[in-house]
Amino acid sequence: MLIRYKKSLEKIAMGLLSFMPEEKEVKKLQHTMKEYETNEAWHLYLWKEDDILGAIGIELQSNQKVLVQHITVNPSYRGMGIGKKMLEEIQSIYEGQEVISNDSTKAFLAKLKKPEDT
């Protein structure tokens, strides 16, 4: 299930986000985390089963769009549908808003789109 990020989960969230190529550099990763903590339009969610296995970060845009900025799963748990589940929950939470991708998440989101969605 998706849970909202809170400061006590910072190290776990940073670890998960560091799996994304553009977040490898520590200063960039710290800046990203600061944005999730301070920018009201940015929301970070963590996927929790027994442990926290994934993260999805979004930006709420003024045009009723939800931009998926980050989506990452612990490499040990990839291929198990966790990314798809996170995206489905985001679509449910922000029902009625269009979920879109950026350059970093485009390939993953395109892979998950069902043929009837295109």
N, C-alpha and C. Protein backbone atom coordinates (compact mmCIF):
# COMPACT_ATOMS: atom_id res chain seq x y z
N MET A 1 0.83 -1.18 0.00
CA MET A 1 0.00 0.00 0.00
C MET A 1 0.87 1.25 0.00
N LEU A 2 0.33 2.32 -0.55
CA LEU A 2 1.06 3.58 -0.58
C LEU A 2 0.90 4.31 0.74
N ILE A 3 2.00 4.85 1.23
CA ILE A 3 1.96 5.70 2.41
C ILE A 3 2.64 7.02 2.05
N ARG A 4 2.19 8.11 2.66
CA ARG A 4 2.82 9.40 2.42
C ARG A 4 4.18 9.45 3.08
N TYR A 5 5.13 10.06 2.38
CA TYR A 5 6.46 10.25 2.92
C TYR A 5 6.40 11.13 4.16
N LYS A 6 7.20 10.79 5.14
CA LYS A 6 7.41 11.68 6.29
C LYS A 6 8.90 11.67 6.61
N LYS A 7 9.34 12.70 7.27
CA LYS A 7 10.77 12.94 7.52
C LYS A 7 11.46 11.74 8.17
N SER A 8 10.77 11.00 9.01
CA SER A 8 11.38 9.85 9.68
C SER A 8 11.77 8.74 8.69
N LEU A 9 11.24 8.81 7.47
CA LEU A 9 11.54 7.81 6.44
C LEU A 9 12.53 8.34 5.40
N GLU A 10 13.19 9.44 5.73
CA GLU A 10 14.06 10.11 4.77
C GLU A 10 15.15 9.20 4.21
N LYS A 11 15.86 8.48 5.06
CA LYS A 11 16.97 7.65 4.58
C LYS A 11 16.48 6.55 3.65
N ILE A 12 15.36 5.95 3.97
CA ILE A 12 14.78 4.91 3.11
C ILE A 12 14.39 5.51 1.77
N ALA A 13 13.72 6.66 1.81
CA ALA A 13 13.27 7.32 0.58
C ALA A 13 14.48 7.71 -0.28
N MET A 14 15.50 8.26 0.34
CA MET A 14 16.70 8.65 -0.41
C MET A 14 17.36 7.44 -1.03
N GLY A 15 17.40 6.35 -0.30
CA GLY A 15 17.99 5.12 -0.84
C GLY A 15 17.24 4.64 -2.07
N LEU A 16 15.92 4.67 -2.01
CA LEU A 16 15.12 4.24 -3.15
C LEU A 16 15.28 5.20 -4.34
N LEU A 17 15.21 6.50 -4.08
CA LEU A 17 15.35 7.46 -5.17
C LEU A 17 16.74 7.41 -5.81
N SER A 18 17.74 7.01 -5.05
CA SER A 18 19.10 6.94 -5.59
C SER A 18 19.25 5.87 -6.67
N PHE A 19 18.27 4.97 -6.79
CA PHE A 19 18.30 3.98 -7.86
C PHE A 19 17.98 4.60 -9.22
N MET A 20 17.40 5.82 -9.21
CA MET A 20 17.10 6.49 -10.47
C MET A 20 18.38 7.17 -10.97
N PRO A 21 18.72 6.99 -12.24
CA PRO A 21 20.00 7.52 -12.77
C PRO A 21 20.22 9.00 -12.50
N GLU A 22 19.18 9.83 -12.62
CA GLU A 22 19.38 11.27 -12.44
C GLU A 22 19.50 11.67 -10.98
N GLU A 23 19.30 10.73 -10.07
CA GLU A 23 19.39 11.04 -8.63
C GLU A 23 20.62 10.41 -7.97
N LYS A 24 21.58 9.97 -8.77
CA LYS A 24 22.78 9.32 -8.22
C LYS A 24 23.66 10.28 -7.44
N GLU A 25 23.75 11.52 -7.90
CA GLU A 25 24.60 12.52 -7.25
C GLU A 25 23.95 12.97 -5.94
N VAL A 26 24.72 12.95 -4.85
CA VAL A 26 24.18 13.22 -3.52
C VAL A 26 23.54 14.60 -3.42
N LYS A 27 24.19 15.63 -3.96
CA LYS A 27 23.63 16.99 -3.87
C LYS A 27 22.29 17.08 -4.61
N LYS A 28 22.18 16.45 -5.75
CA LYS A 28 20.93 16.45 -6.51
C LYS A 28 19.85 15.72 -5.72
N LEU A 29 20.21 14.59 -5.13
CA LEU A 29 19.26 13.81 -4.33
C LEU A 29 18.79 14.61 -3.11
N GLN A 30 19.69 15.29 -2.45
CA GLN A 30 19.33 16.12 -1.29
C GLN A 30 18.39 17.25 -1.71
N HIS A 31 18.67 17.85 -2.87
CA HIS A 31 17.80 18.92 -3.38
C HIS A 31 16.39 18.36 -3.67
N THR A 32 16.33 17.19 -4.28
CA THR A 32 15.05 16.56 -4.59
C THR A 32 14.26 16.30 -3.31
N MET A 33 14.92 15.76 -2.29
CA MET A 33 14.23 15.48 -1.03
C MET A 33 13.72 16.77 -0.40
N LYS A 34 14.51 17.83 -0.47
CA LYS A 34 14.08 19.12 0.09
C LYS A 34 12.82 19.62 -0.63
N GLU A 35 12.77 19.43 -1.94
CA GLU A 35 11.58 19.84 -2.71
C GLU A 35 10.35 19.05 -2.23
N TYR A 36 10.50 17.75 -2.03
CA TYR A 36 9.37 16.95 -1.57
C TYR A 36 8.91 17.37 -0.17
N GLU A 37 9.83 17.87 0.63
CA GLU A 37 9.49 18.29 1.99
C GLU A 37 8.89 19.70 2.04
N THR A 38 9.24 20.56 1.09
CA THR A 38 8.85 21.97 1.20
C THR A 38 7.88 22.45 0.12
N ASN A 39 7.87 21.84 -1.03
CA ASN A 39 7.04 22.30 -2.13
C ASN A 39 5.66 21.64 -2.01
N GLU A 40 4.63 22.44 -1.85
CA GLU A 40 3.27 21.91 -1.65
C GLU A 40 2.74 21.14 -2.84
N ALA A 41 3.30 21.36 -4.03
CA ALA A 41 2.84 20.66 -5.23
C ALA A 41 3.52 19.31 -5.41
N TRP A 42 4.60 19.06 -4.66
CA TRP A 42 5.35 17.82 -4.79
C TRP A 42 4.92 16.86 -3.67
N HIS A 43 4.62 15.62 -4.05
CA HIS A 43 4.20 14.61 -3.07
C HIS A 43 4.98 13.32 -3.32
N LEU A 44 5.53 12.78 -2.25
CA LEU A 44 6.29 11.54 -2.34
C LEU A 44 5.54 10.47 -1.55
N TYR A 45 5.36 9.33 -2.18
CA TYR A 45 4.69 8.19 -1.56
C TYR A 45 5.64 7.01 -1.56
N LEU A 46 5.53 6.19 -0.54
CA LEU A 46 6.35 4.99 -0.44
C LEU A 46 5.44 3.77 -0.48
N TRP A 47 5.92 2.70 -1.11
CA TRP A 47 5.15 1.46 -1.21
C TRP A 47 5.59 0.54 -0.07
N LYS A 48 4.65 0.20 0.80
CA LYS A 48 4.97 -0.62 1.97
C LYS A 48 4.21 -1.93 1.91
N GLU A 49 4.96 -3.01 2.04
CA GLU A 49 4.37 -4.33 2.27
C GLU A 49 4.86 -4.69 3.67
N ASP A 50 5.74 -5.67 3.81
CA ASP A 50 6.37 -5.87 5.12
C ASP A 50 7.42 -4.79 5.35
N ASP A 51 8.13 -4.45 4.29
CA ASP A 51 9.13 -3.39 4.30
C ASP A 51 8.72 -2.36 3.25
N ILE A 52 9.46 -1.27 3.20
CA ILE A 52 9.23 -0.26 2.16
C ILE A 52 10.05 -0.69 0.95
N LEU A 53 9.35 -0.92 -0.15
CA LEU A 53 9.97 -1.52 -1.33
C LEU A 53 10.08 -0.58 -2.53
N GLY A 54 9.33 0.52 -2.52
CA GLY A 54 9.34 1.41 -3.67
C GLY A 54 8.94 2.82 -3.30
N ALA A 55 9.11 3.71 -4.27
CA ALA A 55 8.74 5.12 -4.08
C ALA A 55 8.21 5.67 -5.39
N ILE A 56 7.25 6.56 -5.26
CA ILE A 56 6.72 7.28 -6.42
C ILE A 56 6.53 8.73 -6.01
N GLY A 57 7.09 9.62 -6.81
CA GLY A 57 7.00 11.04 -6.53
C GLY A 57 6.25 11.75 -7.64
N ILE A 58 5.35 12.62 -7.24
CA ILE A 58 4.53 13.33 -8.22
C ILE A 58 4.58 14.83 -8.00
N GLU A 59 4.19 15.56 -9.04
CA GLU A 59 3.99 17.00 -8.93
C GLU A 59 2.59 17.29 -9.42
N LEU A 60 1.80 17.95 -8.58
CA LEU A 60 0.45 18.35 -8.99
C LEU A 60 0.58 19.62 -9.81
N GLN A 61 0.08 19.58 -11.03
CA GLN A 61 0.17 20.73 -11.91
C GLN A 61 -1.17 21.45 -11.96
N SER A 62 -1.13 22.72 -12.27
CA SER A 62 -2.33 23.55 -12.22
C SER A 62 -3.37 23.18 -13.27
N ASN A 63 -2.98 22.44 -14.28
CA ASN A 63 -3.90 22.09 -15.36
C ASN A 63 -4.55 20.71 -15.15
N GLN A 64 -4.75 20.34 -13.88
CA GLN A 64 -5.39 19.06 -13.54
C GLN A 64 -4.60 17.86 -14.04
N LYS A 65 -3.28 18.01 -14.03
CA LYS A 65 -2.41 16.90 -14.42
C LYS A 65 -1.54 16.53 -13.24
N VAL A 66 -1.23 15.24 -13.17
CA VAL A 66 -0.35 14.70 -12.14
C VAL A 66 0.89 14.20 -12.86
N LEU A 67 2.02 14.86 -12.64
CA LEU A 67 3.28 14.50 -13.28
C LEU A 67 4.02 13.50 -12.40
N VAL A 68 4.25 12.31 -12.93
CA VAL A 68 5.05 11.31 -12.21
C VAL A 68 6.51 11.67 -12.47
N GLN A 69 7.18 12.16 -11.42
CA GLN A 69 8.57 12.61 -11.53
C GLN A 69 9.56 11.50 -11.24
N HIS A 70 9.20 10.65 -10.30
CA HIS A 70 10.07 9.56 -9.87
C HIS A 70 9.23 8.31 -9.66
N ILE A 71 9.76 7.18 -10.07
CA ILE A 71 9.16 5.89 -9.73
C ILE A 71 10.30 4.89 -9.66
N THR A 72 10.42 4.25 -8.53
CA THR A 72 11.54 3.35 -8.32
C THR A 72 11.16 2.23 -7.36
N VAL A 73 11.75 1.07 -7.60
CA VAL A 73 11.51 -0.11 -6.77
C VAL A 73 12.86 -0.70 -6.40
N ASN A 74 12.97 -1.16 -5.17
CA ASN A 74 14.17 -1.85 -4.72
C ASN A 74 14.51 -2.93 -5.75
N PRO A 75 15.75 -2.98 -6.25
CA PRO A 75 16.11 -3.95 -7.29
C PRO A 75 15.78 -5.40 -6.93
N SER A 76 15.80 -5.75 -5.68
CA SER A 76 15.49 -7.13 -5.27
C SER A 76 14.02 -7.48 -5.49
N TYR A 77 13.18 -6.47 -5.68
CA TYR A 77 11.74 -6.70 -5.81
C TYR A 77 11.19 -6.27 -7.17
N ARG A 78 12.07 -5.99 -8.11
CA ARG A 78 11.61 -5.58 -9.43
C ARG A 78 11.00 -6.76 -10.17
N GLY A 79 10.11 -6.45 -11.10
CA GLY A 79 9.46 -7.50 -11.88
C GLY A 79 8.30 -8.16 -11.16
N MET A 80 7.89 -7.61 -10.03
CA MET A 80 6.81 -8.19 -9.23
C MET A 80 5.53 -7.35 -9.30
N GLY A 81 5.53 -6.34 -10.16
CA GLY A 81 4.33 -5.52 -10.33
C GLY A 81 4.17 -4.38 -9.33
N ILE A 82 5.20 -4.10 -8.55
CA ILE A 82 5.10 -3.04 -7.54
C ILE A 82 4.97 -1.67 -8.19
N GLY A 83 5.74 -1.42 -9.24
CA GLY A 83 5.65 -0.14 -9.94
C GLY A 83 4.24 0.07 -10.50
N LYS A 84 3.68 -0.97 -11.06
CA LYS A 84 2.32 -0.88 -11.61
C LYS A 84 1.31 -0.60 -10.50
N LYS A 85 1.47 -1.28 -9.36
CA LYS A 85 0.56 -1.06 -8.23
C LYS A 85 0.66 0.38 -7.72
N MET A 86 1.88 0.91 -7.63
CA MET A 86 2.04 2.29 -7.18
C MET A 86 1.34 3.25 -8.13
N LEU A 87 1.52 3.04 -9.41
CA LEU A 87 0.90 3.91 -10.40
C LEU A 87 -0.63 3.81 -10.33
N GLU A 88 -1.16 2.60 -10.17
CA GLU A 88 -2.61 2.42 -10.06
C GLU A 88 -3.17 3.15 -8.84
N GLU A 89 -2.44 3.11 -7.72
CA GLU A 89 -2.91 3.82 -6.53
C GLU A 89 -2.87 5.33 -6.72
N ILE A 90 -1.84 5.82 -7.41
CA ILE A 90 -1.77 7.26 -7.71
C ILE A 90 -2.96 7.65 -8.58
N GLN A 91 -3.27 6.83 -9.58
CA GLN A 91 -4.42 7.12 -10.44
C GLN A 91 -5.72 7.11 -9.64
N SER A 92 -5.80 6.26 -8.65
CA SER A 92 -6.99 6.19 -7.81
C SER A 92 -7.08 7.42 -6.88
N ILE A 93 -5.97 7.79 -6.27
CA ILE A 93 -5.93 8.94 -5.36
C ILE A 93 -6.30 10.22 -6.12
N TYR A 94 -5.75 10.37 -7.32
CA TYR A 94 -5.96 11.59 -8.09
C TYR A 94 -6.92 11.34 -9.25
N GLU A 95 -7.98 10.61 -8.96
CA GLU A 95 -8.99 10.26 -9.95
C GLU A 95 -9.53 11.52 -10.63
N GLY A 96 -9.69 11.43 -11.94
CA GLY A 96 -10.20 12.57 -12.70
C GLY A 96 -9.10 13.48 -13.22
N GLN A 97 -7.86 13.25 -12.77
CA GLN A 97 -6.74 14.03 -13.26
C GLN A 97 -5.90 13.14 -14.17
N GLU A 98 -5.34 13.74 -15.19
CA GLU A 98 -4.51 12.99 -16.12
C GLU A 98 -3.13 12.76 -15.51
N VAL A 99 -2.68 11.51 -15.52
CA VAL A 99 -1.36 11.16 -15.03
C VAL A 99 -0.41 11.16 -16.21
N ILE A 100 0.63 11.99 -16.11
CA ILE A 100 1.60 12.13 -17.20
C ILE A 100 3.01 11.83 -16.69
N SER A 101 3.94 11.67 -17.62
CA SER A 101 5.32 11.34 -17.26
C SER A 101 6.26 12.46 -17.67
N ASN A 102 7.46 12.38 -17.13
CA ASN A 102 8.54 13.25 -17.59
C ASN A 102 9.55 12.37 -18.32
N ASP A 103 10.69 12.91 -18.71
CA ASP A 103 11.67 12.12 -19.45
C ASP A 103 12.15 10.91 -18.65
N SER A 104 12.26 11.07 -17.33
CA SER A 104 12.77 9.99 -16.48
C SER A 104 11.78 8.84 -16.32
N THR A 105 10.49 9.14 -16.38
CA THR A 105 9.49 8.11 -16.10
C THR A 105 8.72 7.68 -17.36
N LYS A 106 8.99 8.33 -18.47
CA LYS A 106 8.24 8.08 -19.71
C LYS A 106 8.27 6.61 -20.15
N ALA A 107 9.44 6.01 -20.19
CA ALA A 107 9.56 4.64 -20.68
C ALA A 107 8.78 3.66 -19.79
N PHE A 108 8.90 3.86 -18.49
CA PHE A 108 8.21 2.96 -17.56
C PHE A 108 6.70 3.10 -17.68
N LEU A 109 6.20 4.33 -17.69
CA LEU A 109 4.76 4.54 -17.80
C LEU A 109 4.22 4.04 -19.13
N ALA A 110 4.97 4.22 -20.20
CA ALA A 110 4.53 3.75 -21.52
C ALA A 110 4.43 2.22 -21.52
N LYS A 111 5.35 1.56 -20.84
CA LYS A 111 5.34 0.10 -20.75
C LYS A 111 4.08 -0.40 -20.02
N LEU A 112 3.59 0.38 -19.07
CA LEU A 112 2.44 -0.03 -18.28
C LEU A 112 1.11 0.29 -18.93
N LYS A 113 1.11 1.19 -19.90
CA LYS A 113 -0.17 1.56 -20.54
C LYS A 113 -0.79 0.37 -21.22
N LYS A 114 -2.06 0.21 -20.98
CA LYS A 114 -2.79 -0.88 -21.62
C LYS A 114 -3.15 -0.45 -23.04
N PRO A 115 -3.29 -1.40 -23.97
CA PRO A 115 -3.61 -1.03 -25.35
C PRO A 115 -4.85 -0.16 -25.48
N GLU A 116 -5.87 -0.39 -24.63
CA GLU A 116 -7.09 0.40 -24.74
C GLU A 116 -6.89 1.83 -24.24
N ASP A 117 -5.77 2.11 -23.56
CA ASP A 117 -5.50 3.47 -23.07
C ASP A 117 -4.90 4.35 -24.17
N THR A 118 -4.39 3.76 -25.23
CA THR A 118 -3.70 4.55 -26.24
C THR A 118 -4.61 4.98 -27.36
